[in-house]
């Protein structure tokens, strides 16, 4: 049986993991529905500007696989 200290530590870890998941999910939805929509409306996306570079995009997406660096 685990000691009370170990139980508290485990409970804190679950709370922190849950908070991280909630915050990342919120950030993804905020970006997807707010930031990307505004960028498209203002025509400031990379495609709209006309300077799409394949090699730069591949490197950026390789270094930031979760799409947080765009």
PDB file of N, CA and C in Angstrom:
ATOM      1  N   UNK A   1       0.829  -1.175   0.000  1.00  0.00           N
ATOM      2  CA  UNK A   1       0.000   0.000   0.000  1.00  0.00           C
ATOM      3  C   UNK A   1       0.881   1.249   0.000  1.00  0.00           C
ATOM      4  N   UNK A   2       0.462   2.246  -0.745  1.00  0.00           N
ATOM      5  CA  UNK A   2       1.251   3.458  -0.874  1.00  0.00           C
ATOM      6  C   UNK A   2       1.073   4.347   0.355  1.00  0.00           C
ATOM      7  N   UNK A   3       2.124   5.077   0.650  1.00  0.00           N
ATOM      8  CA  UNK A   3       2.053   6.005   1.774  1.00  0.00           C
ATOM      9  C   UNK A   3       1.221   7.224   1.366  1.00  0.00           C
ATOM     10  N   UNK A   4       0.744   7.991   2.329  1.00  0.00           N
ATOM     11  CA  UNK A   4      -0.053   9.189   1.996  1.00  0.00           C
ATOM     12  C   UNK A   4       0.724  10.185   1.141  1.00  0.00           C
ATOM     13  N   UNK A   5       2.024  10.283   1.386  1.00  0.00           N
ATOM     14  CA  UNK A   5       2.837  11.204   0.583  1.00  0.00           C
ATOM     15  C   UNK A   5       2.878  10.761  -0.881  1.00  0.00           C
ATOM     16  N   UNK A   6       3.046   9.455  -1.108  1.00  0.00           N
ATOM     17  CA  UNK A   6       3.071   8.943  -2.481  1.00  0.00           C
ATOM     18  C   UNK A   6       1.716   9.138  -3.159  1.00  0.00           C
ATOM     19  N   UNK A   7       0.645   8.968  -2.414  1.00  0.00           N
ATOM     20  CA  UNK A   7      -0.697   9.158  -2.978  1.00  0.00           C
ATOM     21  C   UNK A   7      -0.898  10.619  -3.363  1.00  0.00           C
ATOM     22  N   UNK A   8      -0.471  11.537  -2.506  1.00  0.00           N
ATOM     23  CA  UNK A   8      -0.588  12.964  -2.815  1.00  0.00           C
ATOM     24  C   UNK A   8       0.231  13.326  -4.054  1.00  0.00           C
ATOM     25  N   UNK A   9       1.444  12.790  -4.138  1.00  0.00           N
ATOM     26  CA  UNK A   9       2.309  13.071  -5.285  1.00  0.00           C
ATOM     27  C   UNK A   9       1.677  12.535  -6.565  1.00  0.00           C
ATOM     28  N   UNK A  10       1.110  11.333  -6.510  1.00  0.00           N
ATOM     29  CA  UNK A  10       0.460  10.753  -7.683  1.00  0.00           C
ATOM     30  C   UNK A  10      -0.767  11.574  -8.088  1.00  0.00           C
ATOM     31  N   UNK A  11      -1.547  11.996  -7.108  1.00  0.00           N
ATOM     32  CA  UNK A  11      -2.729  12.805  -7.404  1.00  0.00           C
ATOM     33  C   UNK A  11      -2.341  14.142  -8.045  1.00  0.00           C
ATOM     34  N   UNK A  12      -1.276  14.765  -7.535  1.00  0.00           N
ATOM     35  CA  UNK A  12      -0.801  16.028  -8.127  1.00  0.00           C
ATOM     36  C   UNK A  12      -0.354  15.828  -9.567  1.00  0.00           C
ATOM     37  N   UNK A  13       0.311  14.714  -9.845  1.00  0.00           N
ATOM     38  CA  UNK A  13       0.761  14.440 -11.212  1.00  0.00           C
ATOM     39  C   UNK A  13      -0.426  14.305 -12.152  1.00  0.00           C
ATOM     40  N   UNK A  14      -1.470  13.603 -11.717  1.00  0.00           N
ATOM     41  CA  UNK A  14      -2.662  13.460 -12.551  1.00  0.00           C
ATOM     42  C   UNK A  14      -3.338  14.810 -12.779  1.00  0.00           C
ATOM     43  N   UNK A  15      -3.380  15.639 -11.749  1.00  0.00           N
ATOM     44  CA  UNK A  15      -3.978  16.967 -11.899  1.00  0.00           C
ATOM     45  C   UNK A  15      -3.164  17.802 -12.882  1.00  0.00           C
ATOM     46  N   UNK A  16      -1.843  17.776 -12.768  1.00  0.00           N
ATOM     47  CA  UNK A  16      -0.992  18.550 -13.672  1.00  0.00           C
ATOM     48  C   UNK A  16      -1.127  18.066 -15.114  1.00  0.00           C
ATOM     49  N   UNK A  17      -1.151  16.759 -15.307  1.00  0.00           N
ATOM     50  CA  UNK A  17      -1.314  16.223 -16.663  1.00  0.00           C
ATOM     51  C   UNK A  17      -2.657  16.626 -17.236  1.00  0.00           C
ATOM     52  N   UNK A  18      -3.696  16.560 -16.419  1.00  0.00           N
ATOM     53  CA  UNK A  18      -5.023  16.981 -16.871  1.00  0.00           C
ATOM     54  C   UNK A  18      -5.049  18.456 -17.247  1.00  0.00           C
ATOM     55  N   UNK A  19      -4.434  19.301 -16.428  1.00  0.00           N
ATOM     56  CA  UNK A  19      -4.379  20.736 -16.730  1.00  0.00           C
ATOM     57  C   UNK A  19      -3.600  21.013 -18.016  1.00  0.00           C
ATOM     58  N   UNK A  20      -2.511  20.303 -18.208  1.00  0.00           N
ATOM     59  CA  UNK A  20      -1.723  20.478 -19.430  1.00  0.00           C
ATOM     60  C   UNK A  20      -2.550  20.102 -20.652  1.00  0.00           C
ATOM     61  N   UNK A  21      -3.262  18.997 -20.575  1.00  0.00           N
ATOM     62  CA  UNK A  21      -4.102  18.570 -21.711  1.00  0.00           C
ATOM     63  C   UNK A  21      -5.198  19.598 -21.981  1.00  0.00           C
ATOM     64  N   UNK A  22      -5.827  20.095 -20.930  1.00  0.00           N
ATOM     65  CA  UNK A  22      -6.886  21.099 -21.101  1.00  0.00           C
ATOM     66  C   UNK A  22      -6.327  22.370 -21.723  1.00  0.00           C
ATOM     67  N   UNK A  23      -5.177  22.843 -21.239  1.00  0.00           N
ATOM     68  CA  UNK A  23      -4.599  24.079 -21.772  1.00  0.00           C
ATOM     69  C   UNK A  23      -4.148  23.928 -23.222  1.00  0.00           C
ATOM     70  N   UNK A  24      -3.527  22.799 -23.567  1.00  0.00           N
ATOM     71  CA  UNK A  24      -3.120  22.589 -24.953  1.00  0.00           C
ATOM     72  C   UNK A  24      -4.330  22.481 -25.875  1.00  0.00           C
ATOM     73  N   UNK A  25      -5.389  21.826 -25.408  1.00  0.00           N
ATOM     74  CA  UNK A  25      -6.600  21.715 -26.212  1.00  0.00           C
ATOM     75  C   UNK A  25      -7.215  23.095 -26.430  1.00  0.00           C
ATOM     76  N   UNK A  26      -7.296  23.893 -25.369  1.00  0.00           N
ATOM     77  CA  UNK A  26      -7.822  25.250 -25.494  1.00  0.00           C
ATOM     78  C   UNK A  26      -6.976  26.075 -26.459  1.00  0.00           C
ATOM     79  N   UNK A  27      -5.659  25.976 -26.346  1.00  0.00           N
ATOM     80  CA  UNK A  27      -4.771  26.733 -27.230  1.00  0.00           C
ATOM     81  C   UNK A  27      -4.954  26.311 -28.679  1.00  0.00           C
ATOM     82  N   UNK A  28      -5.148  25.016 -28.932  1.00  0.00           N
ATOM     83  CA  UNK A  28      -5.349  24.543 -30.305  1.00  0.00           C
ATOM     84  C   UNK A  28      -6.651  25.092 -30.866  1.00  0.00           C
ATOM     85  N   UNK A  29      -7.733  25.015 -30.094  1.00  0.00           N
ATOM     86  CA  UNK A  29      -9.011  25.538 -30.574  1.00  0.00           C
ATOM     87  C   UNK A  29      -8.950  27.051 -30.782  1.00  0.00           C
ATOM     88  N   UNK A  30      -8.297  27.754 -29.871  1.00  0.00           N
ATOM     89  CA  UNK A  30      -8.155  29.211 -30.001  1.00  0.00           C
ATOM     90  C   UNK A  30      -7.428  29.550 -31.301  1.00  0.00           C
ATOM     91  N   UNK A  31      -6.356  28.845 -31.566  1.00  0.00           N
ATOM     92  CA  UNK A  31      -5.599  29.111 -32.773  1.00  0.00           C
ATOM     93  C   UNK A  31      -6.387  28.731 -34.015  1.00  0.00           C
ATOM     94  N   UNK A  32      -7.000  27.566 -33.975  1.00  0.00           N
ATOM     95  CA  UNK A  32      -7.696  27.060 -35.158  1.00  0.00           C
ATOM     96  C   UNK A  32      -8.889  27.933 -35.524  1.00  0.00           C
ATOM     97  N   UNK A  33      -9.669  28.351 -34.549  1.00  0.00           N
ATOM     98  CA  UNK A  33     -10.898  29.080 -34.850  1.00  0.00           C
ATOM     99  C   UNK A  33     -10.757  30.591 -34.775  1.00  0.00           C
ATOM    100  N   UNK A  34      -9.753  31.109 -34.141  1.00  0.00           N
ATOM    101  CA  UNK A  34      -9.625  32.550 -34.010  1.00  0.00           C
ATOM    102  C   UNK A  34      -8.436  33.084 -34.809  1.00  0.00           C
ATOM    103  N   UNK A  35      -7.264  32.630 -34.503  1.00  0.00           N
ATOM    104  CA  UNK A  35      -6.051  33.175 -35.118  1.00  0.00           C
ATOM    105  C   UNK A  35      -5.990  32.842 -36.613  1.00  0.00           C
ATOM    106  N   UNK A  36      -6.217  31.583 -36.976  1.00  0.00           N
ATOM    107  CA  UNK A  36      -6.175  31.205 -38.389  1.00  0.00           C
ATOM    108  C   UNK A  36      -7.266  31.901 -39.197  1.00  0.00           C
ATOM    109  N   UNK A  37      -8.446  32.061 -38.604  1.00  0.00           N
ATOM    110  CA  UNK A  37      -9.535  32.744 -39.310  1.00  0.00           C
ATOM    111  C   UNK A  37      -9.170  34.207 -39.557  1.00  0.00           C
ATOM    112  N   UNK A  38      -8.582  34.864 -38.576  1.00  0.00           N
ATOM    113  CA  UNK A  38      -8.175  36.262 -38.756  1.00  0.00           C
ATOM    114  C   UNK A  38      -7.051  36.377 -39.782  1.00  0.00           C
ATOM    115  N   UNK A  39      -6.124  35.451 -39.762  1.00  0.00           N
ATOM    116  CA  UNK A  39      -5.027  35.488 -40.730  1.00  0.00           C
ATOM    117  C   UNK A  39      -5.556  35.307 -42.146  1.00  0.00           C
ATOM    118  N   UNK A  40      -6.521  34.430 -42.318  1.00  0.00           N
ATOM    119  CA  UNK A  40      -7.110  34.245 -43.647  1.00  0.00           C
ATOM    120  C   UNK A  40      -7.890  35.485 -44.071  1.00  0.00           C
ATOM    121  N   UNK A  41      -8.634  36.063 -43.143  1.00  0.00           N
ATOM    122  CA  UNK A  41      -9.433  37.252 -43.457  1.00  0.00           C
ATOM    123  C   UNK A  41      -8.537  38.435 -43.839  1.00  0.00           C
ATOM    124  N   UNK A  42      -7.425  38.579 -43.152  1.00  0.00           N
ATOM    125  CA  UNK A  42      -6.511  39.689 -43.431  1.00  0.00           C
ATOM    126  C   UNK A  42      -5.515  39.373 -44.543  1.00  0.00           C
ATOM    127  N   UNK A  43      -5.573  38.157 -45.075  1.00  0.00           N
ATOM    128  CA  UNK A  43      -4.701  37.710 -46.167  1.00  0.00           C
ATOM    129  C   UNK A  43      -3.224  37.823 -45.795  1.00  0.00           C
ATOM    130  N   UNK A  44      -2.891  37.404 -44.591  1.00  0.00           N
ATOM    131  CA  UNK A  44      -1.487  37.443 -44.175  1.00  0.00           C
ATOM    132  C   UNK A  44      -0.912  36.049 -43.993  1.00  0.00           C
ATOM    133  N   UNK A  45      -1.611  35.052 -44.511  1.00  0.00           N
ATOM    134  CA  UNK A  45      -1.073  33.694 -44.470  1.00  0.00           C
ATOM    135  C   UNK A  45       0.028  33.573 -45.510  1.00  0.00           C
ATOM    136  N   UNK A  46       0.876  32.592 -45.343  1.00  0.00           N
ATOM    137  CA  UNK A  46       2.023  32.409 -46.234  1.00  0.00           C
ATOM    138  C   UNK A  46       1.571  32.209 -47.679  1.00  0.00           C
ATOM    139  N   UNK A  47       0.501  31.485 -47.879  1.00  0.00           N
ATOM    140  CA  UNK A  47      -0.003  31.227 -49.236  1.00  0.00           C
ATOM    141  C   UNK A  47      -0.501  32.519 -49.880  1.00  0.00           C
ATOM    142  N   UNK A  48      -1.170  33.366 -49.104  1.00  0.00           N
ATOM    143  CA  UNK A  48      -1.706  34.610 -49.640  1.00  0.00           C
ATOM    144  C   UNK A  48      -0.611  35.613 -49.990  1.00  0.00           C
ATOM    145  N   UNK A  49       0.495  35.555 -49.276  1.00  0.00           N
ATOM    146  CA  UNK A  49       1.591  36.483 -49.546  1.00  0.00           C
ATOM    147  C   UNK A  49       2.380  36.084 -50.785  1.00  0.00           C
ATOM    148  N   UNK A  50       2.309  34.822 -51.154  1.00  0.00           N
ATOM    149  CA  UNK A  50       2.960  34.377 -52.377  1.00  0.00           C
ATOM    150  C   UNK A  50       4.397  33.932 -52.227  1.00  0.00           C
ATOM    151  N   UNK A  51       4.900  33.821 -51.023  1.00  0.00           N
ATOM    152  CA  UNK A  51       6.293  33.409 -50.851  1.00  0.00           C
ATOM    153  C   UNK A  51       6.393  32.078 -50.108  1.00  0.00           C
ATOM    154  N   UNK A  52       5.699  31.092 -50.611  1.00  0.00           N
ATOM    155  CA  UNK A  52       5.727  29.769 -50.003  1.00  0.00           C
ATOM    156  C   UNK A  52       7.031  29.081 -50.404  1.00  0.00           C
ATOM    157  N   UNK A  53       7.816  28.714 -49.407  1.00  0.00           N
ATOM    158  CA  UNK A  53       9.073  28.015 -49.650  1.00  0.00           C
ATOM    159  C   UNK A  53       8.949  26.605 -49.098  1.00  0.00           C
ATOM    160  N   UNK A  54       9.082  25.628 -49.964  1.00  0.00           N
ATOM    161  CA  UNK A  54       8.906  24.244 -49.552  1.00  0.00           C
ATOM    162  C   UNK A  54       9.956  23.815 -48.538  1.00  0.00           C
ATOM    163  N   UNK A  55      11.210  24.148 -48.790  1.00  0.00           N
ATOM    164  CA  UNK A  55      12.268  23.695 -47.868  1.00  0.00           C
ATOM    165  C   UNK A  55      12.116  24.334 -46.488  1.00  0.00           C
ATOM    166  N   UNK A  56      11.792  25.601 -46.435  1.00  0.00           N
ATOM    167  CA  UNK A  56      11.588  26.270 -45.146  1.00  0.00           C
ATOM    168  C   UNK A  56      10.401  25.698 -44.400  1.00  0.00           C
ATOM    169  N   UNK A  57       9.338  25.402 -45.122  1.00  0.00           N
ATOM    170  CA  UNK A  57       8.161  24.813 -44.485  1.00  0.00           C
ATOM    171  C   UNK A  57       8.455  23.417 -43.954  1.00  0.00           C
ATOM    172  N   UNK A  58       9.201  22.628 -44.706  1.00  0.00           N
ATOM    173  CA  UNK A  58       9.536  21.276 -44.265  1.00  0.00           C
ATOM    174  C   UNK A  58      10.388  21.329 -42.998  1.00  0.00           C
ATOM    175  N   UNK A  59      11.363  22.208 -42.954  1.00  0.00           N
ATOM    176  CA  UNK A  59      12.216  22.324 -41.769  1.00  0.00           C
ATOM    177  C   UNK A  59      11.406  22.799 -40.578  1.00  0.00           C
ATOM    178  N   UNK A  60      10.555  23.810 -40.771  1.00  0.00           N
ATOM    179  CA  UNK A  60       9.741  24.320 -39.677  1.00  0.00           C
ATOM    180  C   UNK A  60       8.795  23.247 -39.147  1.00  0.00           C
ATOM    181  N   UNK A  61       8.157  22.501 -40.031  1.00  0.00           N
ATOM    182  CA  UNK A  61       7.229  21.463 -39.596  1.00  0.00           C
ATOM    183  C   UNK A  61       7.955  20.277 -38.973  1.00  0.00           C
ATOM    184  N   UNK A  62       9.182  20.020 -39.393  1.00  0.00           N
ATOM    185  CA  UNK A  62       9.963  18.943 -38.789  1.00  0.00           C
ATOM    186  C   UNK A  62      10.373  19.311 -37.367  1.00  0.00           C
ATOM    187  N   UNK A  63      10.750  20.560 -37.148  1.00  0.00           N
ATOM    188  CA  UNK A  63      11.164  20.994 -35.819  1.00  0.00           C
ATOM    189  C   UNK A  63       9.996  21.200 -34.879  1.00  0.00           C
ATOM    190  N   UNK A  64       8.821  21.452 -35.407  1.00  0.00           N
ATOM    191  CA  UNK A  64       7.620  21.700 -34.598  1.00  0.00           C
ATOM    192  C   UNK A  64       6.501  20.785 -35.070  1.00  0.00           C
ATOM    193  N   UNK A  65       6.552  19.499 -34.746  1.00  0.00           N
ATOM    194  CA  UNK A  65       5.590  18.548 -35.294  1.00  0.00           C
ATOM    195  C   UNK A  65       4.164  18.741 -34.790  1.00  0.00           C
ATOM    196  N   UNK A  66       3.949  19.420 -33.684  1.00  0.00           N
ATOM    197  CA  UNK A  66       2.592  19.584 -33.151  1.00  0.00           C
ATOM    198  C   UNK A  66       1.938  20.861 -33.657  1.00  0.00           C
ATOM    199  N   UNK A  67       2.551  21.500 -34.620  1.00  0.00           N
ATOM    200  CA  UNK A  67       1.982  22.684 -35.257  1.00  0.00           C
ATOM    201  C   UNK A  67       1.843  23.863 -34.300  1.00  0.00           C
ATOM    202  N   UNK A  68       2.797  24.033 -33.386  1.00  0.00           N
ATOM    203  CA  UNK A  68       2.766  25.152 -32.478  1.00  0.00           C
ATOM    204  C   UNK A  68       3.685  26.287 -32.917  1.00  0.00           C
ATOM    205  N   UNK A  69       4.447  26.079 -33.963  1.00  0.00           N
ATOM    206  CA  UNK A  69       5.453  27.074 -34.332  1.00  0.00           C
ATOM    207  C   UNK A  69       5.059  27.914 -35.533  1.00  0.00           C
ATOM    208  N   UNK A  70       3.919  27.700 -36.130  1.00  0.00           N
ATOM    209  CA  UNK A  70       3.537  28.496 -37.309  1.00  0.00           C
ATOM    210  C   UNK A  70       3.252  29.918 -36.932  1.00  0.00           C
TER     211      UNK A  70
END
